[in-house]
Protein backbone atom coordinates (compact mmCIF):
# COMPACT_ATOMS: atom_id res chain seq x y z
CA UNK A 1 -43.43 -10.51 -63.75
CA UNK A 2 -41.64 -7.55 -65.23
CA UNK A 3 -43.88 -5.15 -63.38
CA UNK A 4 -43.19 -6.93 -60.10
CA UNK A 5 -39.47 -6.72 -60.64
CA UNK A 6 -39.77 -3.12 -61.56
CA UNK A 7 -41.64 -2.30 -58.36
CA UNK A 8 -39.09 -4.14 -56.22
CA UNK A 9 -36.14 -2.39 -57.81
CA UNK A 10 -35.06 1.17 -57.41
CA UNK A 11 -35.68 3.53 -60.31
CA UNK A 12 -31.96 3.70 -61.16
CA UNK A 13 -31.46 -0.04 -61.11
CA UNK A 14 -32.13 -2.24 -64.22
CA UNK A 15 -33.52 -5.74 -63.52
CA UNK A 16 -31.11 -8.62 -64.12
CA UNK A 17 -31.74 -11.88 -66.01
CA UNK A 18 -30.01 -15.11 -65.15
CA UNK A 19 -29.15 -16.91 -68.43
CA UNK A 20 -27.20 -20.00 -69.40
CA UNK A 21 -25.18 -20.51 -72.60
CA UNK A 22 -26.80 -23.32 -74.64
CA UNK A 23 -23.36 -24.50 -75.85
CA UNK A 24 -21.03 -24.51 -72.79
CA UNK A 25 -23.64 -24.23 -70.01
CA UNK A 26 -21.92 -21.19 -68.36
CA UNK A 27 -24.31 -18.96 -66.38
CA UNK A 28 -24.42 -15.18 -66.63
CA UNK A 29 -26.44 -12.23 -65.41
CA UNK A 30 -27.46 -9.65 -68.04
CA UNK A 31 -29.71 -6.65 -68.13
CA UNK A 32 -33.33 -7.29 -69.03
CA UNK A 33 -33.07 -4.80 -71.89
CA UNK A 34 -31.06 -7.43 -73.82
CA UNK A 35 -34.01 -9.80 -73.93
CA UNK A 36 -34.65 -11.11 -77.54
CA UNK A 37 -31.26 -9.82 -78.56
CA UNK A 38 -28.19 -11.74 -79.71
CA UNK A 39 -25.29 -11.87 -77.32
CA UNK A 40 -21.88 -13.53 -77.30
CA UNK A 41 -20.81 -16.02 -74.58
CA UNK A 42 -17.76 -14.82 -72.75
CA UNK A 43 -16.59 -18.41 -72.18
CA UNK A 44 -16.96 -20.15 -75.56
CA UNK A 45 -17.54 -17.02 -77.78
CA UNK A 46 -20.66 -18.62 -79.22
CA UNK A 47 -23.48 -16.26 -80.26
CA UNK A 48 -27.04 -16.99 -79.18
CA UNK A 49 -30.35 -15.16 -78.66
CA UNK A 50 -31.68 -14.40 -75.19
CA UNK A 51 -35.03 -16.12 -75.23
CA UNK A 52 -37.10 -18.15 -72.82
CA UNK A 53 -34.98 -21.23 -73.65
CA UNK A 54 -31.82 -19.75 -72.16
CA UNK A 55 -33.36 -17.77 -69.27
CA UNK A 56 -33.17 -19.64 -65.94
CA UNK A 57 -36.15 -19.25 -63.69
CA UNK A 58 -36.01 -20.01 -59.93
CA UNK A 59 -38.96 -20.29 -57.66
CA UNK A 60 -39.19 -17.29 -55.36
CA UNK A 61 -40.41 -17.44 -51.76
CA UNK A 62 -42.53 -14.67 -50.34
CA UNK A 63 -43.20 -14.31 -46.56
CA UNK A 64 -46.57 -15.77 -45.68
CA UNK A 65 -46.74 -18.06 -48.69
CA UNK A 66 -46.04 -21.18 -46.59
CA UNK A 67 -47.06 -21.76 -42.95
CA UNK A 68 -43.84 -21.50 -40.91
CA UNK A 69 -44.74 -21.76 -37.22
CA UNK A 70 -41.18 -21.01 -36.16
CA UNK A 71 -41.70 -17.45 -37.45
CA UNK A 72 -44.44 -16.74 -34.91
CA UNK A 73 -41.88 -15.53 -32.36
CA UNK A 74 -41.14 -12.58 -34.67
CA UNK A 75 -44.72 -11.43 -35.05
CA UNK A 76 -45.61 -7.82 -34.54
CA UNK A 77 -49.38 -8.14 -34.77
CA UNK A 78 -51.03 -10.82 -32.67
CA UNK A 79 -52.19 -13.77 -34.72
CA UNK A 80 -55.95 -14.17 -34.57
CA UNK A 81 -57.09 -17.52 -35.78
CA UNK A 82 -60.51 -17.67 -37.39
CA UNK A 83 -62.76 -19.78 -35.19
CA UNK A 84 -65.59 -21.54 -37.01
CA UNK A 85 -69.05 -20.84 -35.72
CA UNK A 86 -70.33 -23.27 -33.15
CA UNK A 87 -66.83 -24.41 -32.11
CA UNK A 88 -66.09 -23.96 -28.42
CA UNK A 89 -62.48 -22.91 -27.70
CA UNK A 90 -60.34 -24.01 -24.77
CA UNK A 91 -58.20 -21.54 -22.83
CA UNK A 92 -54.92 -22.72 -21.41
CA UNK A 93 -52.84 -21.29 -18.59
CA UNK A 94 -49.51 -19.63 -19.20
CA UNK A 95 -46.50 -21.82 -19.85
CA UNK A 96 -44.56 -22.71 -16.69
CA UNK A 97 -41.13 -21.16 -16.23
CA UNK A 98 -38.47 -23.72 -17.11
CA UNK A 99 -36.29 -22.62 -14.19
CA UNK A 100 -38.99 -23.69 -11.73
CA UNK A 101 -38.56 -27.39 -12.51
CA UNK A 102 -34.86 -27.40 -13.36
CA UNK A 103 -32.56 -29.27 -10.88
CA UNK A 104 -30.87 -27.18 -8.18
CA UNK A 105 -27.36 -26.02 -9.10
CA UNK A 106 -24.54 -27.67 -7.10
CA UNK A 107 -23.18 -24.33 -5.86
CA UNK A 108 -26.57 -23.44 -4.37
CA UNK A 109 -26.74 -26.79 -2.58
CA UNK A 110 -23.25 -26.19 -1.19
CA UNK A 111 -24.24 -22.70 -0.04
CA UNK A 112 -27.30 -24.05 1.79
CA UNK A 113 -25.29 -26.82 3.45
CA UNK A 114 -22.61 -24.31 4.47
CA UNK A 115 -25.24 -22.03 6.04
CA UNK A 116 -26.77 -24.82 8.11
CA UNK A 117 -23.37 -26.24 9.13
CA UNK A 118 -22.06 -22.81 10.09
CA UNK A 119 -25.06 -22.07 12.29
CA UNK A 120 -24.70 -25.42 14.06
CA UNK A 121 -20.95 -24.93 14.54
CA UNK A 122 -21.32 -21.43 16.02
CA UNK A 123 -24.16 -22.62 18.24
CA UNK A 124 -22.02 -25.48 19.60
CA UNK A 125 -19.10 -23.09 20.08
CA UNK A 126 -21.24 -20.62 22.03
CA UNK A 127 -22.67 -23.47 24.08
CA UNK A 128 -19.57 -25.52 24.95
CA UNK A 129 -16.78 -22.97 24.44
CA UNK A 130 -18.24 -20.41 26.82
CA UNK A 131 -17.19 -22.26 29.97
CA UNK A 132 -13.92 -21.73 31.83
CA UNK A 133 -11.08 -23.19 29.79
CA UNK A 134 -13.17 -23.22 26.62
CA UNK A 135 -12.30 -21.60 23.31
CA UNK A 136 -14.27 -18.46 24.16
CA UNK A 137 -13.01 -18.18 27.71
CA UNK A 138 -12.13 -14.54 28.35
CA UNK A 139 -14.14 -13.17 25.43
CA UNK A 140 -16.59 -10.48 26.44
CA UNK A 141 -20.33 -10.89 25.94
CA UNK A 142 -20.34 -8.07 23.41
CA UNK A 143 -17.79 -9.83 21.25
CA UNK A 144 -19.76 -13.05 21.49
CA UNK A 145 -22.88 -11.20 20.38
CA UNK A 146 -20.99 -9.77 17.42
CA UNK A 147 -19.80 -13.24 16.46
CA UNK A 148 -23.34 -14.64 16.64
CA UNK A 149 -24.75 -11.70 14.66
CA UNK A 150 -22.12 -12.00 11.96
CA UNK A 151 -22.78 -15.73 11.63
CA UNK A 152 -26.54 -15.02 11.36
CA UNK A 153 -26.04 -12.47 8.57
CA UNK A 154 -23.78 -14.80 6.59
CA UNK A 155 -26.24 -17.69 7.03
CA UNK A 156 -29.12 -15.48 5.82
CA UNK A 157 -27.26 -14.47 2.67
CA UNK A 158 -26.31 -18.06 1.91
CA UNK A 159 -29.87 -19.28 2.43
CA UNK A 160 -31.28 -16.61 0.12
CA UNK A 161 -28.75 -17.59 -2.52
CA UNK A 162 -29.52 -21.30 -2.11
CA UNK A 163 -33.31 -20.84 -2.47
CA UNK A 164 -34.00 -18.44 -5.37
CA UNK A 165 -37.61 -19.66 -5.77
CA UNK A 166 -38.46 -20.02 -2.07
CA UNK A 167 -37.57 -16.66 -0.58
CA UNK A 168 -40.22 -16.88 2.09
CA UNK A 169 -38.97 -20.24 3.29
CA UNK A 170 -35.39 -18.94 3.30
CA UNK A 171 -36.48 -15.88 5.30
CA UNK A 172 -38.27 -17.99 7.89
CA UNK A 173 -35.29 -20.31 8.28
CA UNK A 174 -32.88 -17.38 8.57
CA UNK A 175 -35.06 -15.86 11.30
CA UNK A 176 -34.94 -19.20 13.08
CA UNK A 177 -31.13 -19.17 12.88
CA UNK A 178 -30.95 -15.63 14.24
CA UNK A 179 -33.36 -16.49 17.03
CA UNK A 180 -31.19 -19.46 17.96
CA UNK A 181 -27.75 -17.84 17.87
CA UNK A 182 -28.32 -14.34 19.25
CA UNK A 183 -29.69 -15.35 22.68
CA UNK A 184 -26.88 -17.87 23.35
CA UNK A 185 -24.23 -15.29 24.43
CA UNK A 186 -26.74 -13.84 26.88
CA UNK A 187 -27.58 -17.25 28.35
CA UNK A 188 -24.13 -18.89 28.52
CA UNK A 189 -21.93 -16.23 30.14
CA UNK A 190 -19.80 -18.43 32.37
CA UNK A 191 -16.39 -17.64 30.84
CA UNK A 192 -17.13 -14.09 29.73
CA UNK A 193 -14.65 -11.47 30.87
CA UNK A 194 -17.44 -9.11 31.93
CA UNK A 195 -19.67 -11.71 33.59
CA UNK A 196 -20.51 -10.77 37.20
CA UNK A 197 -20.04 -14.29 38.57
CA UNK A 198 -18.12 -13.47 41.72
CA UNK A 199 -18.59 -11.12 44.58
CA UNK A 200 -15.89 -8.58 45.19
CA UNK A 201 -14.54 -7.18 48.41
CA UNK A 202 -14.49 -3.53 49.31
CA UNK A 203 -12.43 -1.54 46.76
CA UNK A 204 -11.83 -4.83 44.92
CA UNK A 205 -8.89 -5.56 47.22
CA UNK A 206 -8.59 -8.37 49.77
CA UNK A 207 -8.17 -7.24 53.36
CA UNK A 208 -4.88 -9.06 53.91
CA UNK A 209 -2.35 -6.25 53.98
CA UNK A 210 -3.99 -4.50 56.83
CA UNK A 211 -5.96 -5.57 59.75
CA UNK A 212 -8.09 -8.69 59.31
CA UNK A 213 -11.82 -7.98 59.29
CA UNK A 214 -12.93 -11.45 60.23
CA UNK A 215 -11.80 -14.94 61.03
CA UNK A 216 -9.10 -16.52 58.92
CA UNK A 217 -11.43 -19.07 57.45
CA UNK A 218 -13.85 -16.39 56.37
CA UNK A 219 -11.04 -14.44 54.83
CA UNK A 220 -9.79 -17.46 52.89
CA UNK A 221 -13.32 -18.19 51.75
CA UNK A 222 -13.69 -14.64 50.50
CA UNK A 223 -10.37 -14.88 48.68
CA UNK A 224 -11.33 -18.16 47.03
CA UNK A 225 -14.55 -16.60 45.85
CA UNK A 226 -12.80 -13.46 44.64
CA UNK A 227 -9.99 -15.24 42.82
CA UNK A 228 -12.12 -18.16 41.59
CA UNK A 229 -9.78 -20.99 42.61
CA UNK A 230 -11.99 -23.84 41.39
CA UNK A 231 -9.70 -24.67 38.40
CA UNK A 232 -6.67 -24.68 40.71
CA UNK A 233 -8.36 -27.00 43.21
CA UNK A 234 -9.41 -29.42 40.47
CA UNK A 235 -5.87 -29.53 39.04
CA UNK A 236 -4.32 -30.27 42.43
CA UNK A 237 -6.92 -32.97 43.02
CA UNK A 238 -6.03 -34.56 39.68
CA UNK A 239 -2.28 -34.45 40.36
CA UNK A 240 -2.78 -35.93 43.84
CA UNK A 241 -4.84 -38.75 42.37
CA UNK A 242 -2.12 -39.51 39.85
CA UNK A 243 0.51 -39.62 42.60
CA UNK A 244 3.12 -37.91 40.43
CA UNK A 245 4.45 -35.71 43.22
CA UNK A 246 3.85 -32.61 41.16
CA UNK A 247 1.78 -29.61 42.11
CA UNK A 248 -0.33 -26.82 40.68
CA UNK A 249 -0.06 -23.15 41.64
CA UNK A 250 -2.09 -20.10 40.78
CA UNK A 251 -0.75 -16.74 39.65
CA UNK A 252 -3.28 -14.01 40.34
CA UNK A 253 -2.24 -11.50 37.68
CA UNK A 254 -3.74 -8.09 38.47
CA UNK A 255 -4.13 -5.56 35.67
CA UNK A 256 -2.93 -7.77 32.82
CA UNK A 257 -3.91 -6.53 29.36
CA UNK A 258 -5.68 -9.15 27.27
CA UNK A 259 -3.21 -8.65 24.41
CA UNK A 260 -0.38 -9.88 26.68
CA UNK A 261 -2.26 -12.89 28.06
CA UNK A 262 -0.86 -15.52 25.70
CA UNK A 263 2.63 -14.02 25.91
CA UNK A 264 2.59 -14.47 29.69
CA UNK A 265 1.27 -18.02 29.35
CA UNK A 266 4.03 -19.01 26.91
CA UNK A 267 6.69 -17.52 29.16
CA UNK A 268 5.48 -19.39 32.24
CA UNK A 269 5.24 -22.66 30.33
CA UNK A 270 8.81 -22.18 29.12
CA UNK A 271 10.26 -21.03 32.44
CA UNK A 272 8.54 -23.59 34.68
CA UNK A 273 8.36 -26.59 32.30
CA UNK A 274 4.69 -26.85 33.26
CA UNK A 275 2.10 -28.97 31.50
CA UNK A 276 0.57 -27.54 28.31
CA UNK A 277 -2.83 -27.62 30.00
CA UNK A 278 -1.81 -24.60 32.11
CA UNK A 279 -4.27 -21.85 31.31
CA UNK A 280 -5.13 -18.22 32.22
CA UNK A 281 -8.71 -17.79 33.45
CA UNK A 282 -10.21 -14.29 33.21
CA UNK A 283 -11.50 -12.82 36.44
CA UNK A 284 -12.81 -9.47 35.26
CA UNK A 285 -11.30 -6.00 35.44
CA UNK A 286 -8.13 -7.17 33.62
CA UNK A 287 -7.43 -9.80 36.28
CA UNK A 288 -6.48 -13.37 35.41
CA UNK A 289 -5.83 -16.53 37.38
CA UNK A 290 -3.00 -18.33 35.63
CA UNK A 291 -3.09 -21.97 36.75
CA UNK A 292 0.43 -23.40 36.37
CA UNK A 293 0.00 -27.15 36.68
CA UNK A 294 2.38 -30.07 36.78
CA UNK A 295 5.43 -28.35 38.32
CA UNK A 296 7.80 -29.73 40.94
CA UNK A 297 9.12 -26.57 42.59
CA UNK A 298 8.24 -24.59 45.70
CA UNK A 299 5.93 -21.64 45.39
CA UNK A 300 8.79 -19.24 46.20
CA UNK A 301 10.69 -20.42 43.13
CA UNK A 302 7.62 -19.77 40.97
CA UNK A 303 7.39 -16.29 42.45
CA UNK A 304 11.00 -15.62 41.42
CA UNK A 305 10.31 -16.82 37.89
CA UNK A 306 7.25 -14.57 37.66
CA UNK A 307 9.20 -11.51 38.79
CA UNK A 308 9.75 -10.17 35.20
CA UNK A 309 5.98 -9.79 34.86
CA UNK A 310 5.64 -7.08 37.45
CA UNK A 311 5.63 -6.45 41.21
CA UNK A 312 4.99 -9.27 43.69
CA UNK A 313 2.15 -8.32 46.04
CA UNK A 314 1.53 -11.34 48.24
CA UNK A 315 1.99 -15.11 48.46
CA UNK A 316 -1.06 -16.97 49.82
CA UNK A 317 0.40 -20.33 50.80
CA UNK A 318 -2.92 -21.60 52.14
CA UNK A 319 -4.40 -21.10 48.67
CA UNK A 320 -1.27 -21.92 46.60
CA UNK A 321 -1.73 -18.53 44.95
CA UNK A 322 0.74 -15.75 44.17
CA UNK A 323 -0.69 -12.26 43.75
CA UNK A 324 1.23 -10.19 41.21
CA UNK A 325 0.60 -6.65 40.00
CA UNK A 326 1.48 -6.80 36.29
CA UNK A 327 3.48 -4.00 34.71
CA UNK A 328 2.27 -3.93 31.11
CA UNK A 329 4.99 -1.48 30.13
CA UNK A 330 7.44 -4.41 30.37
CA UNK A 331 5.87 -5.79 27.21
CA UNK A 332 6.55 -2.64 25.16
CA UNK A 333 9.65 -2.57 22.98
CA UNK A 334 11.98 0.38 22.93
CA UNK A 335 12.33 2.74 19.95
CA UNK A 336 13.74 0.73 17.05
CA UNK A 337 16.01 3.56 15.89
CA UNK A 338 17.82 3.58 19.23
CA UNK A 339 17.87 -0.21 19.48
CA UNK A 340 19.64 -0.52 16.13
CA UNK A 341 22.04 2.44 16.35
CA UNK A 342 25.32 1.28 17.93
CA UNK A 343 26.49 4.87 18.23
CA UNK A 344 23.47 5.93 20.27
CA UNK A 345 24.21 6.20 24.02
CA UNK A 346 21.02 4.28 24.83
CA UNK A 347 21.87 1.33 22.55
CA UNK A 348 23.40 -0.89 25.23
CA UNK A 349 20.91 -0.05 27.96
CA UNK A 350 17.87 -0.63 25.75
CA UNK A 351 19.16 -3.92 24.36
CA UNK A 352 20.07 -5.09 27.86
CA UNK A 353 16.44 -4.47 28.83
CA UNK A 354 15.29 -6.37 25.75
CA UNK A 355 17.24 -9.41 26.96
CA UNK A 356 15.06 -9.45 30.07
CA UNK A 357 11.88 -9.43 28.01
CA UNK A 358 9.65 -12.51 28.10
CA UNK A 359 8.98 -12.27 24.34
CA UNK A 360 11.58 -14.54 22.74
CA UNK A 361 11.31 -12.82 19.36
CA UNK A 362 12.40 -9.53 20.88
CA UNK A 363 15.11 -11.30 22.87
CA UNK A 364 16.51 -12.94 19.73
CA UNK A 365 16.54 -9.61 17.90
CA UNK A 366 18.49 -8.05 20.78
CA UNK A 367 20.97 -10.94 20.82
CA UNK A 368 21.65 -10.49 17.10
CA UNK A 369 22.21 -6.76 17.56
CA UNK A 370 24.60 -7.29 20.47
CA UNK A 371 26.51 -10.00 18.62
CA UNK A 372 27.60 -7.39 16.08
CA UNK A 373 28.34 -4.65 18.60
CA UNK A 374 31.59 -4.10 20.53
CA UNK A 375 31.29 -4.90 24.26
CA UNK A 376 31.61 -1.37 25.64
CA UNK A 377 28.96 -1.17 28.37
CA UNK A 378 27.23 -3.59 30.73
CA UNK A 379 29.53 -6.43 29.66
CA UNK A 380 29.11 -8.52 32.79
CA UNK A 381 25.34 -8.06 32.97
CA UNK A 382 24.82 -8.85 29.29
CA UNK A 383 27.12 -11.88 29.31
CA UNK A 384 25.41 -13.33 32.40
CA UNK A 385 22.01 -12.91 30.76
CA UNK A 386 23.26 -14.53 27.55
CA UNK A 387 24.56 -17.52 29.52
CA UNK A 388 21.24 -17.82 31.36
CA UNK A 389 19.38 -17.83 28.04
CA UNK A 390 21.74 -20.48 26.69
CA UNK A 391 20.82 -22.74 29.60
CA UNK A 392 17.07 -22.48 28.93
CA UNK A 393 15.60 -25.42 27.03
CA UNK A 394 12.84 -23.41 25.41
CA UNK A 395 15.28 -21.04 23.69
CA UNK A 396 15.89 -22.19 20.10
CA UNK A 397 18.35 -19.55 18.85
CA UNK A 398 21.44 -21.16 20.40
CA UNK A 399 23.67 -20.19 17.49
CA UNK A 400 22.95 -16.47 17.96
CA UNK A 401 23.63 -16.74 21.69
CA UNK A 402 26.96 -18.51 21.12
CA UNK A 403 27.99 -15.94 18.52
CA UNK A 404 27.18 -13.13 20.97
CA UNK A 405 28.98 -14.87 23.84
CA UNK A 406 32.18 -15.18 21.78
CA UNK A 407 32.27 -11.39 21.73
CA UNK A 408 30.79 -10.48 25.12
CA UNK A 409 31.75 -13.19 27.59
CA UNK A 410 34.84 -12.56 29.71
CA UNK A 411 34.08 -15.68 31.76
CA UNK A 412 34.98 -18.34 29.22
CA UNK A 413 34.51 -21.16 31.72
CA UNK A 414 30.88 -20.31 32.51
CA UNK A 415 29.98 -19.73 28.88
CA UNK A 416 31.70 -22.93 27.75
CA UNK A 417 30.02 -24.96 30.49
CA UNK A 418 26.57 -23.71 29.45
CA UNK A 419 27.39 -24.29 25.78
CA UNK A 420 28.55 -27.85 26.43
CA UNK A 421 25.35 -28.68 28.32
CA UNK A 422 23.33 -27.29 25.42
CA UNK A 423 25.48 -29.24 22.94
CA UNK A 424 24.91 -32.54 24.69
CA UNK A 425 21.15 -31.92 24.74
CA UNK A 426 21.17 -31.21 21.01
CA UNK A 427 23.15 -34.36 20.29
CA UNK A 428 20.86 -36.45 22.49
CA UNK A 429 17.82 -35.07 20.67
CA UNK A 430 19.56 -35.67 17.30
CA UNK A 431 19.20 -32.03 16.33
CA UNK A 432 21.52 -29.95 14.16
CA UNK A 433 24.55 -28.63 15.99
CA UNK A 434 25.30 -24.96 15.14
CA UNK A 435 28.86 -24.07 14.17
CA UNK A 436 28.83 -21.09 16.53
CA UNK A 437 28.39 -23.43 19.49
CA UNK A 438 31.36 -25.56 18.50
CA UNK A 439 33.40 -22.43 17.80
CA UNK A 440 32.67 -21.12 21.31
CA UNK A 441 33.69 -24.43 22.89
CA UNK A 442 36.82 -24.74 20.78
CA UNK A 443 37.81 -21.18 21.63
CA UNK A 444 37.54 -22.12 25.32
CA UNK A 445 39.64 -25.29 24.63
CA UNK A 446 36.87 -27.53 25.96
CA UNK A 447 38.57 -30.88 25.29
CA UNK A 448 35.65 -32.78 26.82
CA UNK A 449 33.75 -32.31 23.55
CA UNK A 450 36.33 -34.28 21.54
CA UNK A 451 34.11 -37.41 21.27
CA UNK A 452 31.18 -35.31 20.04
CA UNK A 453 33.32 -33.28 17.66
CA UNK A 454 34.93 -36.47 16.38
CA UNK A 455 31.48 -37.86 15.53
CA UNK A 456 30.57 -34.66 13.75
CA UNK A 457 33.86 -34.74 11.85
CA UNK A 458 33.32 -38.32 10.72
CA UNK A 459 29.89 -37.34 9.40
CA UNK A 460 31.11 -34.17 7.64
CA UNK A 461 34.90 -33.78 7.61
CA UNK A 462 34.91 -30.71 5.39
CA UNK A 463 32.80 -28.66 7.82
CA UNK A 464 34.27 -29.67 11.16
CA UNK A 465 37.98 -30.22 10.36
CA UNK A 466 39.02 -26.57 11.09
CA UNK A 467 37.31 -26.65 14.50
CA UNK A 468 38.83 -30.07 15.26
CA UNK A 469 42.33 -28.83 14.48
CA UNK A 470 41.85 -25.77 16.71
CA UNK A 471 41.56 -28.01 19.78
CA UNK A 472 45.21 -28.80 19.28
CA UNK A 473 47.37 -31.69 20.54
CA UNK A 474 44.65 -33.37 22.72
CA UNK A 475 42.94 -34.73 19.59
CA UNK A 476 46.03 -36.74 18.55
CA UNK A 477 45.19 -39.82 20.60
CA UNK A 478 41.65 -40.01 19.21
CA UNK A 479 42.91 -39.70 15.62
CA UNK A 480 45.61 -42.33 16.08
CA UNK A 481 43.21 -44.83 17.63
CA UNK A 482 40.91 -44.78 14.60
CA UNK A 483 43.34 -44.00 11.79
CA UNK A 484 43.62 -47.58 10.50
CA UNK A 485 39.84 -47.86 10.22
CA UNK A 486 39.47 -44.67 8.17
CA UNK A 487 39.25 -44.55 4.40
CA UNK A 488 38.80 -42.09 1.59
CA UNK A 489 38.38 -38.46 2.48
CA UNK A 490 38.41 -39.14 6.25
CA UNK A 491 41.89 -40.73 5.92
CA UNK A 492 43.17 -37.71 3.98
CA UNK A 493 41.69 -35.35 6.59
CA UNK A 494 43.13 -37.35 9.49
CA UNK A 495 46.63 -37.30 7.93
CA UNK A 496 46.35 -33.55 7.45
CA UNK A 497 45.25 -32.99 11.08
CA UNK A 498 48.04 -35.19 12.44
CA UNK A 499 50.47 -33.04 10.52
CA UNK A 500 48.97 -29.97 12.24
CA UNK A 501 48.79 -31.23 15.85
CA UNK A 502 50.59 -34.60 15.98
CA UNK A 503 53.81 -35.54 17.72
CA UNK A 504 56.26 -38.41 17.57
CA UNK A 505 53.50 -40.98 18.10
CA UNK A 506 51.91 -39.84 14.87
CA UNK A 507 55.07 -40.49 12.84
CA UNK A 508 54.90 -44.26 13.31
CA UNK A 509 51.20 -44.30 12.39
CA UNK A 510 51.82 -42.29 9.26
CA UNK A 511 54.80 -44.49 8.31
CA UNK A 512 52.64 -47.61 8.62
CA UNK A 513 49.93 -46.01 6.45
CA UNK A 514 52.36 -45.66 3.52
CA UNK A 515 51.86 -49.31 2.57
CA UNK A 516 49.13 -49.44 -0.06
CA UNK A 517 48.48 -45.70 0.03
CA UNK A 518 47.37 -43.93 -3.16
CA UNK A 519 49.44 -41.04 -4.55
CA UNK A 520 47.30 -38.31 -2.93
CA UNK A 521 47.50 -39.94 0.49
CA UNK A 522 51.29 -40.35 0.10
CA UNK A 523 51.63 -36.63 -0.57
CA UNK A 524 49.54 -35.82 2.54
CA UNK A 525 51.58 -38.26 4.67
CA UNK A 526 54.87 -36.76 3.53
CA UNK A 527 53.59 -33.25 4.18
CA UNK A 528 52.37 -34.25 7.66
CA UNK A 529 55.67 -35.98 8.53
CA UNK A 530 57.71 -32.97 7.45
CA UNK A 531 55.51 -30.68 9.56
CA UNK A 532 55.86 -32.91 12.64
CA UNK A 533 59.68 -33.14 12.27
CA UNK A 534 59.89 -29.38 11.79
CA UNK A 535 58.03 -28.81 15.07
CA UNK A 536 60.32 -31.26 16.88
CA UNK A 537 63.44 -29.44 15.66
CA UNK A 538 62.04 -26.21 17.02
C-alpha cells in the first residue's frame, strides 16, 4: 500500500494519513512519517499513538475495476469482446437517426402550408386578375413574369425548409410550382399593357381630323377597335337596364404616364361624382380608356371638367368618347423653395398654378401657404379658385380654405355664400364645423346662420360665444326667445351676450330673470343692464 501511494505521489509530496481521535472522534490528516508515533489531538488535547486502530481506511475505486457501461462513450480504443469458440455472432445495422422519426416542427408545417397557399393565390391572381378591370389590369407581361418568378423562388425556399429529410420531394414539388406559375403570364395576357390585342390605324392616329378614308360606319368600327370600347358599351347597357337615367362616357387619355393613372381617376371621381366602379383601362403606348360611369351630365360638361388634364383633341359623340392629349407636366410640382418663399417673385404665380392641380394634397399645401401670405398678386384669380374649391364636396380641408378666403377674398358675398352652403352640408352630415368657416360667415355678417350658430353655442358656449356676439344685434331676438329655458352656464352666457348686443327689449327679460337668480347671475344681469343703458344714453 505504501509503495502504491508513493508511486502515485510526486517525489516532493509526503503521503497523508486520515486518522480519528479515539477520545473525541475528530478527524485529521497527518503525514505518514508520524505512523507509530504519539501525537496530541488539537481538539481535546488528548495524546494517543497513530496505529491501525486510529487510521481510517476508505475503499478506493480504480477505473476498470467495475463494469460501467456508461463509460463506453469515452473509450479511446475500441472494445473487443472475447467471443467463445463455436458461438456465432449477429451483426446489427447502424442505429437510426432520432431526427428521422421525430414529429415535424410546427414552424416547418407553417412554412410548407404558406408555400402551397402562396402558389395557389398567385396562380389565381394571374388567372382571374389578368382580365380588363382585374387587379393586374395595366401591368406589363414582364412585371407579371417577375411576380410569378419571385413567388416561385419563395415557395422553393419554404418547401426546402419544411422538408429537411425529403429534399428530392421538395425539389420536385418546387419545380411543379415553377412550371405552373411561370407560363401563366404568357397565356393570360388580356389586360397586359403591352398585349397586342387591338389593331392600330396608320401612325396610330384615327383618320378623323382629315379626310375620311372610308364610310362612316367603317371609321366608327375602326375607332371602337382601336379604343377598345367594350367596357363602355357594357356600362351603358347596365345603366339603361337599371333605368336610372344616368350615363357612362369614355375618356381616351393619350400619353398618360402610368404613375399618374390613379391620380387622374380620383380627380374624375371627385369632379363628376361618378360611381366608384369607374376605371382606367390600359390601351398600350401610354393610352388609357377611362370609363366614367353613372354620371348625369352632357358629354360637353365632362370635357370641361377634364380640361386640367391636358388638351382636348376630339369629342366622338357617336361613341360617347372624348379624346384628350394628356400633359404630364401638369402633375409636376414647382420648386419647393420658390413655393414657400413669400419674397420670391414667383411665389404667387406658382401657388396659383398649384391651386389648379388635380392632386388635392398639393392644393391643400398651396392653400395653407397663401393663407399666411399678403394678397399682393392675382387676388381675384386666387379668390375665385378658393371659392370654387370650397364648393366642391370632395374637398375636406374647408377650414384652410376659409382661413385663406378671409385674407384673399374681396367678394365677401360670394365667399360667404359658398361657405354657408358648405356649412349646411357639414351640419346635415353631422360633421365637425371648423371655426374658420364660422369666422368667415360672421365677418360677412351672414345672419342666416343664426339658427346653426345658436345650436353650436348651446352645445359649446365657451367656444362659439365670441362668434355669436360678433353677429351683433340680430341675435337678440333668438336669445330672448329661449332665455327662460336656459340654465347654468348657458344662462350666464346669454346674459353676457344680451349686455353686448341687446336693446330695450332685453332689459325686461333681464329684470324678470332676477327672481331666483344666484349671486353670479345677478352680477352678470346688473353688468348687462348697465351696458344696455349706457348704449341707450349714447
